C-alpha cells in the first residue's frame, strides 16, 4: 500500500499530461491491478452440482 500511496502522490504533484504524470498514472494503474488480483476470488472452473430433492410420495 505504501507503493500505491507514493505513486498517487507523485501523480498528484506532476503537471497534468507531463511525462511524470503519465509514468505515475501508469504505475498507479499497475499497482491497482495487482491489488484487485489479490482481492478477487478465483473463478470457479465448474459450477457446484445441483441437488435435486427426492420425489415425494402421496399421503396414504
N, C-alpha and C. Protein backbone atom coordinates (compact mmCIF):
# COMPACT_ATOMS: atom_id res chain seq x y z
N UNK A 1 0.82 -1.19 0.00
CA UNK A 1 0.00 0.00 0.00
C UNK A 1 0.87 1.26 0.00
N UNK A 2 2.07 1.12 0.54
CA UNK A 2 2.99 2.26 0.55
C UNK A 2 3.34 2.66 -0.88
N UNK A 3 3.60 1.64 -1.73
CA UNK A 3 3.91 1.92 -3.14
C UNK A 3 2.78 2.70 -3.80
N UNK A 4 1.56 2.28 -3.54
CA UNK A 4 0.39 2.92 -4.14
C UNK A 4 0.29 4.37 -3.68
N UNK A 5 0.42 4.57 -2.39
CA UNK A 5 0.33 5.93 -1.84
C UNK A 5 1.39 6.84 -2.45
N UNK A 6 2.62 6.34 -2.55
CA UNK A 6 3.71 7.14 -3.11
C UNK A 6 3.49 7.45 -4.59
N UNK A 7 2.99 6.47 -5.34
CA UNK A 7 2.71 6.69 -6.77
C UNK A 7 1.59 7.71 -6.94
N UNK A 8 0.57 7.63 -6.11
CA UNK A 8 -0.53 8.61 -6.17
C UNK A 8 0.00 10.00 -5.85
N UNK A 9 0.86 10.11 -4.87
CA UNK A 9 1.43 11.41 -4.51
C UNK A 9 2.26 11.98 -5.67
N UNK A 10 3.04 11.12 -6.34
CA UNK A 10 3.82 11.58 -7.49
C UNK A 10 2.91 12.05 -8.61
N UNK A 11 1.83 11.30 -8.83
CA UNK A 11 0.88 11.68 -9.88
C UNK A 11 0.22 13.02 -9.55
N UNK A 12 -0.16 13.21 -8.30
CA UNK A 12 -0.81 14.46 -7.90
C UNK A 12 0.15 15.65 -7.98
N UNK A 13 1.44 15.42 -7.74
CA UNK A 13 2.42 16.50 -7.77
C UNK A 13 2.83 16.88 -9.19
N UNK A 14 2.63 15.98 -10.14
CA UNK A 14 3.07 16.22 -11.52
C UNK A 14 2.05 17.07 -12.27
N UNK A 15 2.55 17.76 -13.29
CA UNK A 15 1.66 18.56 -14.15
C UNK A 15 0.85 17.62 -15.02
N UNK A 16 -0.43 17.91 -15.15
CA UNK A 16 -1.33 17.09 -15.95
C UNK A 16 -0.79 16.97 -17.38
N UNK A 17 -0.66 15.73 -17.86
CA UNK A 17 -0.20 15.49 -19.22
C UNK A 17 1.31 15.39 -19.36
N UNK A 18 2.06 15.69 -18.31
CA UNK A 18 3.53 15.61 -18.38
C UNK A 18 3.97 14.14 -18.37
N UNK A 19 5.24 13.92 -18.74
CA UNK A 19 5.78 12.56 -18.71
C UNK A 19 5.73 11.99 -17.30
N UNK A 20 6.03 12.83 -16.32
CA UNK A 20 6.00 12.38 -14.92
C UNK A 20 4.59 11.94 -14.53
N UNK A 21 3.60 12.72 -14.97
CA UNK A 21 2.20 12.38 -14.68
C UNK A 21 1.85 11.04 -15.32
N UNK A 22 2.21 10.88 -16.59
CA UNK A 22 1.88 9.64 -17.32
C UNK A 22 2.55 8.43 -16.68
N UNK A 23 3.82 8.57 -16.29
CA UNK A 23 4.53 7.47 -15.63
C UNK A 23 3.87 7.10 -14.31
N UNK A 24 3.57 8.11 -13.51
CA UNK A 24 2.95 7.85 -12.21
C UNK A 24 1.55 7.26 -12.37
N UNK A 25 0.79 7.75 -13.35
CA UNK A 25 -0.56 7.22 -13.59
C UNK A 25 -0.49 5.75 -14.01
N UNK A 26 0.48 5.41 -14.86
CA UNK A 26 0.65 4.02 -15.28
C UNK A 26 1.04 3.14 -14.09
N UNK A 27 1.90 3.67 -13.22
CA UNK A 27 2.31 2.92 -12.04
C UNK A 27 1.13 2.70 -11.08
N UNK A 28 0.31 3.73 -10.89
CA UNK A 28 -0.87 3.60 -10.04
C UNK A 28 -1.79 2.52 -10.61
N UNK A 29 -2.02 2.55 -11.91
CA UNK A 29 -2.89 1.56 -12.54
C UNK A 29 -2.34 0.15 -12.36
N UNK A 30 -1.05 -0.03 -12.56
CA UNK A 30 -0.42 -1.34 -12.40
C UNK A 30 -0.58 -1.86 -10.97
N UNK A 31 -0.35 -0.99 -10.01
CA UNK A 31 -0.47 -1.38 -8.60
C UNK A 31 -1.92 -1.73 -8.28
N UNK A 32 -2.87 -0.96 -8.79
CA UNK A 32 -4.29 -1.23 -8.51
C UNK A 32 -4.72 -2.55 -9.13
N UNK A 33 -4.16 -2.91 -10.28
CA UNK A 33 -4.47 -4.21 -10.89
C UNK A 33 -3.95 -5.33 -10.00
N UNK A 34 -2.74 -5.17 -9.47
CA UNK A 34 -2.19 -6.19 -8.57
C UNK A 34 -3.02 -6.31 -7.30
N UNK A 35 -3.48 -5.19 -6.76
CA UNK A 35 -4.32 -5.21 -5.56
C UNK A 35 -5.63 -5.94 -5.86
N UNK A 36 -6.25 -5.62 -6.99
CA UNK A 36 -7.52 -6.25 -7.36
C UNK A 36 -7.36 -7.75 -7.52
N UNK A 37 -6.23 -8.18 -8.08
CA UNK A 37 -6.00 -9.62 -8.26
C UNK A 37 -5.92 -10.33 -6.91
N UNK A 38 -5.41 -9.65 -5.91
CA UNK A 38 -5.34 -10.25 -4.57
C UNK A 38 -6.71 -10.31 -3.91
N UNK A 39 -7.55 -9.32 -4.20
CA UNK A 39 -8.86 -9.23 -3.56
C UNK A 39 -9.92 -10.07 -4.24
N UNK A 40 -9.75 -10.35 -5.53
CA UNK A 40 -10.78 -11.04 -6.30
C UNK A 40 -10.71 -12.54 -6.04
N UNK A 41 -11.83 -13.18 -5.74
CA UNK A 41 -11.80 -14.62 -5.52
C UNK A 41 -11.52 -15.34 -6.84
N UNK A 42 -10.89 -16.51 -6.78
CA UNK A 42 -10.60 -17.23 -8.01
C UNK A 42 -11.90 -17.69 -8.68
N UNK A 43 -11.91 -17.72 -10.01
CA UNK A 43 -13.13 -18.17 -10.70
C UNK A 43 -13.35 -19.67 -10.49
N UNK A 44 -14.59 -20.07 -10.49
CA UNK A 44 -14.91 -21.49 -10.35
C UNK A 44 -14.78 -22.14 -11.72
N UNK A 45 -14.11 -23.27 -11.75
CA UNK A 45 -13.92 -23.97 -13.02
C UNK A 45 -15.24 -24.61 -13.43
N UNK A 46 -15.90 -25.27 -12.52
CA UNK A 46 -17.20 -25.87 -12.80
C UNK A 46 -18.17 -25.47 -11.70
N UNK A 47 -19.41 -25.27 -12.06
CA UNK A 47 -20.39 -24.91 -11.03
C UNK A 47 -20.64 -26.11 -10.11
N UNK A 48 -21.06 -25.86 -8.89
CA UNK A 48 -21.35 -26.98 -8.00
C UNK A 48 -22.53 -27.79 -8.53
N UNK A 49 -22.55 -29.09 -8.24
CA UNK A 49 -23.65 -29.91 -8.75
C UNK A 49 -24.98 -29.50 -8.13
N UNK A 50 -26.03 -29.62 -8.92
CA UNK A 50 -27.38 -29.32 -8.41
C UNK A 50 -27.89 -30.51 -7.64
N UNK A 51 -28.48 -30.24 -6.53
CA UNK A 51 -29.05 -31.31 -5.72
C UNK A 51 -30.55 -31.29 -5.93
N UNK A 52 -31.05 -32.38 -6.48
CA UNK A 52 -32.49 -32.49 -6.72
C UNK A 52 -33.10 -33.25 -5.55
N UNK A 53 -34.13 -32.68 -4.92
CA UNK A 53 -34.75 -33.40 -3.80
C UNK A 53 -35.45 -34.66 -4.31
N UNK A 54 -35.50 -35.70 -3.48
CA UNK A 54 -36.18 -36.93 -3.90
C UNK A 54 -37.67 -36.66 -4.09
N UNK A 55 -38.30 -37.42 -5.01
CA UNK A 55 -39.74 -37.21 -5.22
C UNK A 55 -40.53 -37.56 -3.95
N UNK A 56 -41.59 -36.81 -3.71
CA UNK A 56 -42.42 -37.06 -2.53
C UNK A 56 -43.52 -38.05 -2.89
N UNK A 57 -43.79 -38.96 -1.95
CA UNK A 57 -44.87 -39.93 -2.16
C UNK A 57 -46.18 -39.30 -1.73
N UNK A 58 -47.24 -39.63 -2.43
CA UNK A 58 -48.54 -39.10 -2.00
C UNK A 58 -48.92 -39.68 -0.63
N UNK A 59 -49.62 -38.89 0.19
CA UNK A 59 -50.01 -39.40 1.52
C UNK A 59 -50.98 -40.58 1.39
N UNK A 60 -50.85 -41.50 2.30
CA UNK A 60 -51.81 -42.59 2.35
C UNK A 60 -51.29 -43.92 2.32
